[in-house]
N, C-alpha and C. Protein backbone atom coordinates (compact mmCIF):
# COMPACT_ATOMS: atom_id res chain seq x y z
N UNK A 1 -77.08 43.38 20.54
CA UNK A 1 -77.48 41.96 19.68
C UNK A 1 -78.75 41.29 20.01
N UNK A 2 -78.89 40.66 19.22
CA UNK A 2 -80.46 39.78 19.15
C UNK A 2 -79.16 38.30 20.02
N UNK A 3 -79.98 37.56 20.54
CA UNK A 3 -79.44 36.55 20.89
C UNK A 3 -80.19 35.73 19.80
N UNK A 4 -79.27 34.59 19.37
CA UNK A 4 -79.39 34.23 17.82
C UNK A 4 -79.98 32.98 18.26
N UNK A 5 -80.32 32.10 18.96
CA UNK A 5 -80.55 30.61 19.53
C UNK A 5 -82.30 30.94 19.99
N UNK A 6 -82.33 32.64 20.76
CA UNK A 6 -83.85 32.99 20.69
C UNK A 6 -84.34 33.16 19.24
N UNK A 7 -83.89 33.96 18.25
CA UNK A 7 -84.40 34.46 16.81
C UNK A 7 -84.79 33.24 16.16
N UNK A 8 -83.73 32.27 16.46
CA UNK A 8 -84.12 30.87 15.59
C UNK A 8 -85.23 30.10 16.06
N UNK A 9 -85.31 29.97 17.81
CA UNK A 9 -86.63 29.16 17.71
C UNK A 9 -88.16 30.59 17.19
N UNK A 10 -87.62 31.89 17.46
CA UNK A 10 -89.06 32.69 17.07
C UNK A 10 -89.13 32.72 15.39
N UNK A 11 -88.35 32.16 14.77
CA UNK A 11 -88.66 32.22 13.33
C UNK A 11 -88.94 30.25 13.18
N UNK A 12 -88.41 29.49 13.80
CA UNK A 12 -89.04 27.82 14.34
C UNK A 12 -90.51 27.85 14.00
N UNK A 13 -90.74 28.61 14.51
CA UNK A 13 -92.34 28.77 15.38
C UNK A 13 -93.09 29.56 13.81
N UNK A 14 -92.21 31.21 13.66
CA UNK A 14 -93.30 31.91 12.96
C UNK A 14 -93.26 30.89 11.69
N UNK A 15 -92.33 30.63 11.37
CA UNK A 15 -92.31 30.10 9.63
C UNK A 15 -93.82 28.73 9.85
N UNK A 16 -93.40 27.61 10.51
CA UNK A 16 -94.04 26.68 10.88
C UNK A 16 -95.79 27.14 10.89
N UNK A 17 -96.20 28.30 12.12
CA UNK A 17 -97.47 29.00 12.11
C UNK A 17 -98.06 29.39 10.45
N UNK A 18 -96.88 29.64 9.92
CA UNK A 18 -97.31 30.43 8.47
C UNK A 18 -97.30 29.41 7.13
N UNK A 19 -96.92 28.04 7.22
CA UNK A 19 -96.67 27.02 6.89
C UNK A 19 -95.60 27.04 5.12
N UNK A 20 -94.47 27.95 6.30
CA UNK A 20 -93.66 28.28 5.47
C UNK A 20 -92.34 27.69 5.44
N UNK A 21 -92.03 26.71 3.77
CA UNK A 21 -90.47 26.33 4.21
C UNK A 21 -89.01 27.38 3.52
N UNK A 22 -88.54 26.59 4.33
CA UNK A 22 -86.97 27.53 3.87
C UNK A 22 -86.72 26.34 2.91
N UNK A 23 -86.42 27.27 1.48
CA UNK A 23 -85.98 26.76 0.31
C UNK A 23 -84.32 26.09 0.73
N UNK A 24 -83.95 24.60 0.72
CA UNK A 24 -83.14 24.15 0.68
C UNK A 24 -82.07 24.65 0.62
N UNK A 25 -81.47 25.64 -0.37
CA UNK A 25 -80.13 26.27 -0.87
C UNK A 25 -80.19 27.63 0.35
N UNK A 26 -81.11 27.62 1.20
CA UNK A 26 -80.49 28.14 1.95
C UNK A 26 -80.11 27.86 3.70
N UNK A 27 -79.76 27.89 4.33
CA UNK A 27 -79.16 27.44 5.31
C UNK A 27 -79.77 28.17 6.72
N UNK A 28 -80.12 27.59 7.12
CA UNK A 28 -81.00 27.90 8.44
C UNK A 28 -80.53 28.99 9.69
N UNK A 29 -78.86 28.67 9.48
CA UNK A 29 -77.94 29.58 10.47
C UNK A 29 -77.48 31.14 9.42
N UNK A 30 -77.62 30.60 8.01
CA UNK A 30 -77.31 32.21 7.48
C UNK A 30 -78.33 32.59 7.11
N UNK A 31 -79.70 31.85 6.90
CA UNK A 31 -81.11 32.91 7.61
C UNK A 31 -81.55 33.79 8.65
N UNK A 32 -81.05 32.74 10.10
CA UNK A 32 -81.24 33.44 11.26
C UNK A 32 -80.29 34.67 10.91
N UNK A 33 -79.02 34.58 10.87
CA UNK A 33 -78.00 35.30 10.74
C UNK A 33 -78.51 36.77 10.19
N UNK A 34 -78.54 36.44 8.75
CA UNK A 34 -79.25 37.15 8.36
C UNK A 34 -80.80 38.08 8.73
N UNK A 35 -81.84 37.53 9.06
CA UNK A 35 -82.99 38.13 10.03
C UNK A 35 -81.77 38.95 11.04
N UNK A 36 -81.75 38.21 11.70
CA UNK A 36 -81.00 39.24 13.14
C UNK A 36 -79.75 40.61 12.70
N UNK A 37 -79.43 40.77 11.70
CA UNK A 37 -78.84 41.79 11.26
C UNK A 37 -80.08 42.74 10.84
N UNK A 38 -80.79 42.19 9.84
CA UNK A 38 -82.10 43.17 9.20
C UNK A 38 -82.81 43.63 10.50
N UNK A 39 -83.01 43.08 11.28
CA UNK A 39 -83.57 43.77 12.65
C UNK A 39 -83.04 44.17 13.56
N UNK A 40 -81.79 44.33 13.56
CA UNK A 40 -80.72 45.04 14.39
C UNK A 40 -80.39 46.55 13.91
N UNK A 41 -80.49 46.38 12.23
CA UNK A 41 -80.25 47.58 11.58
C UNK A 41 -81.40 48.47 11.63
N UNK A 42 -82.58 47.79 11.65
CA UNK A 42 -83.71 48.15 11.46
C UNK A 42 -84.26 49.01 13.50
N UNK A 43 -83.83 48.26 14.30
CA UNK A 43 -83.67 48.37 15.95
C UNK A 43 -82.42 49.63 15.87
N UNK A 44 -81.45 49.90 15.45
CA UNK A 44 -80.80 51.00 15.57
C UNK A 44 -81.37 52.07 15.22
N UNK A 45 -82.09 52.39 13.69
CA UNK A 45 -82.16 53.62 13.49
C UNK A 45 -83.45 53.92 13.83
N UNK A 46 -84.71 52.87 14.83
CA UNK A 46 -85.73 53.10 15.74
C UNK A 46 -85.21 54.00 16.57
N UNK A 47 -84.07 53.64 18.02
CA UNK A 47 -82.84 53.94 18.83
C UNK A 47 -83.18 55.39 18.26
N UNK A 48 -82.27 55.90 16.78
CA UNK A 48 -81.24 57.00 16.39
C UNK A 48 -82.56 57.86 17.10
N UNK A 49 -84.16 57.99 16.35
CA UNK A 49 -85.24 58.26 16.29
C UNK A 49 -86.15 58.54 17.15
N UNK A 50 -85.66 58.07 18.25
CA UNK A 50 -86.14 58.18 19.77
C UNK A 50 -85.20 58.63 20.30
N UNK A 51 -84.22 58.50 19.99
CA UNK A 51 -82.97 59.56 20.73
C UNK A 51 -83.05 60.88 21.01
N UNK A 52 -83.59 61.16 19.21
CA UNK A 52 -83.72 62.49 18.57
C UNK A 52 -84.96 63.10 19.50
N UNK A 53 -85.99 62.24 19.05
CA UNK A 53 -87.44 63.29 19.83
C UNK A 53 -87.53 62.64 21.70
N UNK A 54 -86.54 62.28 21.94
CA UNK A 54 -86.30 61.83 23.46
C UNK A 54 -85.77 63.32 24.15
N UNK A 55 -84.52 63.41 23.61
CA UNK A 55 -83.64 65.18 24.02
C UNK A 55 -84.35 65.66 22.65
N UNK A 56 -85.13 66.30 22.48
CA UNK A 56 -85.92 67.25 21.35
C UNK A 56 -84.65 67.69 20.22
N UNK A 57 -83.91 66.85 19.51
CA UNK A 57 -83.28 67.83 18.56
C UNK A 57 -82.31 68.13 19.33
N UNK A 58 -81.64 67.54 20.53
CA UNK A 58 -80.59 68.73 20.64
C UNK A 58 -80.40 69.81 22.18
N UNK A 59 -82.19 69.66 22.02
CA UNK A 59 -82.22 71.21 23.33
C UNK A 59 -83.70 70.32 23.91
N UNK A 60 -82.82 69.47 25.23
CA UNK A 60 -83.75 68.74 25.84
C UNK A 60 -84.46 69.61 26.80
N UNK A 61 -85.95 68.60 27.64
CA UNK A 61 -86.83 69.46 28.28
C UNK A 61 -85.87 69.13 29.91
N UNK A 62 -85.08 68.70 30.41
CA UNK A 62 -84.89 68.59 31.70
C UNK A 62 -86.12 68.08 32.32
N UNK A 63 -87.33 68.89 32.39
CA UNK A 63 -87.90 68.93 33.61
C UNK A 63 -88.93 67.67 32.77
N UNK A 64 -89.28 68.28 31.68
CA UNK A 64 -90.06 66.70 31.29
C UNK A 64 -89.25 65.00 30.98
N UNK A 65 -88.13 65.23 31.20
CA UNK A 65 -87.27 64.19 31.08
C UNK A 65 -86.89 63.39 33.16
N UNK A 66 -87.01 64.56 33.85
CA UNK A 66 -87.31 64.00 35.11
C UNK A 66 -89.03 63.72 35.50
N UNK A 67 -89.69 64.19 35.08
CA UNK A 67 -91.48 64.02 34.92
C UNK A 67 -91.08 61.86 34.36
N UNK A 68 -90.31 62.21 33.05
CA UNK A 68 -90.51 60.41 32.91
C UNK A 68 -89.48 59.56 33.73
N UNK A 69 -88.72 59.93 34.48
CA UNK A 69 -88.72 59.06 35.50
C UNK A 69 -89.29 58.80 36.87
N UNK A 70 -89.77 59.94 36.82
CA UNK A 70 -90.47 60.06 37.97
C UNK A 70 -91.58 58.75 37.95
N UNK A 71 -92.15 58.96 36.89
CA UNK A 71 -93.38 57.87 36.22
C UNK A 71 -93.15 56.42 35.81
N UNK A 72 -91.99 56.62 35.56
CA UNK A 72 -90.98 55.29 35.41
C UNK A 72 -90.69 54.38 37.00
N UNK A 73 -90.88 54.99 37.81
CA UNK A 73 -90.68 54.62 38.96
C UNK A 73 -91.39 53.99 39.72
N UNK A 74 -92.52 54.69 39.48
CA UNK A 74 -94.15 54.09 39.68
C UNK A 74 -94.72 52.29 39.41
């Protein structure tokens, strides 16, 4: 789950940099929450796809995984 305060700060900065004003009928808290949900959904789908790839769709190469583990320790 994303840290809503961090996302709010991020959105504030990015919107300001692009000179985008939030319409008055949209509450910032609701915008932040909706954006977080959007990102979390996308993130979950990304995780699922990477899981399938990493574990080769249910037939994992444990040797390859062991190599990756060793590489990550360096």
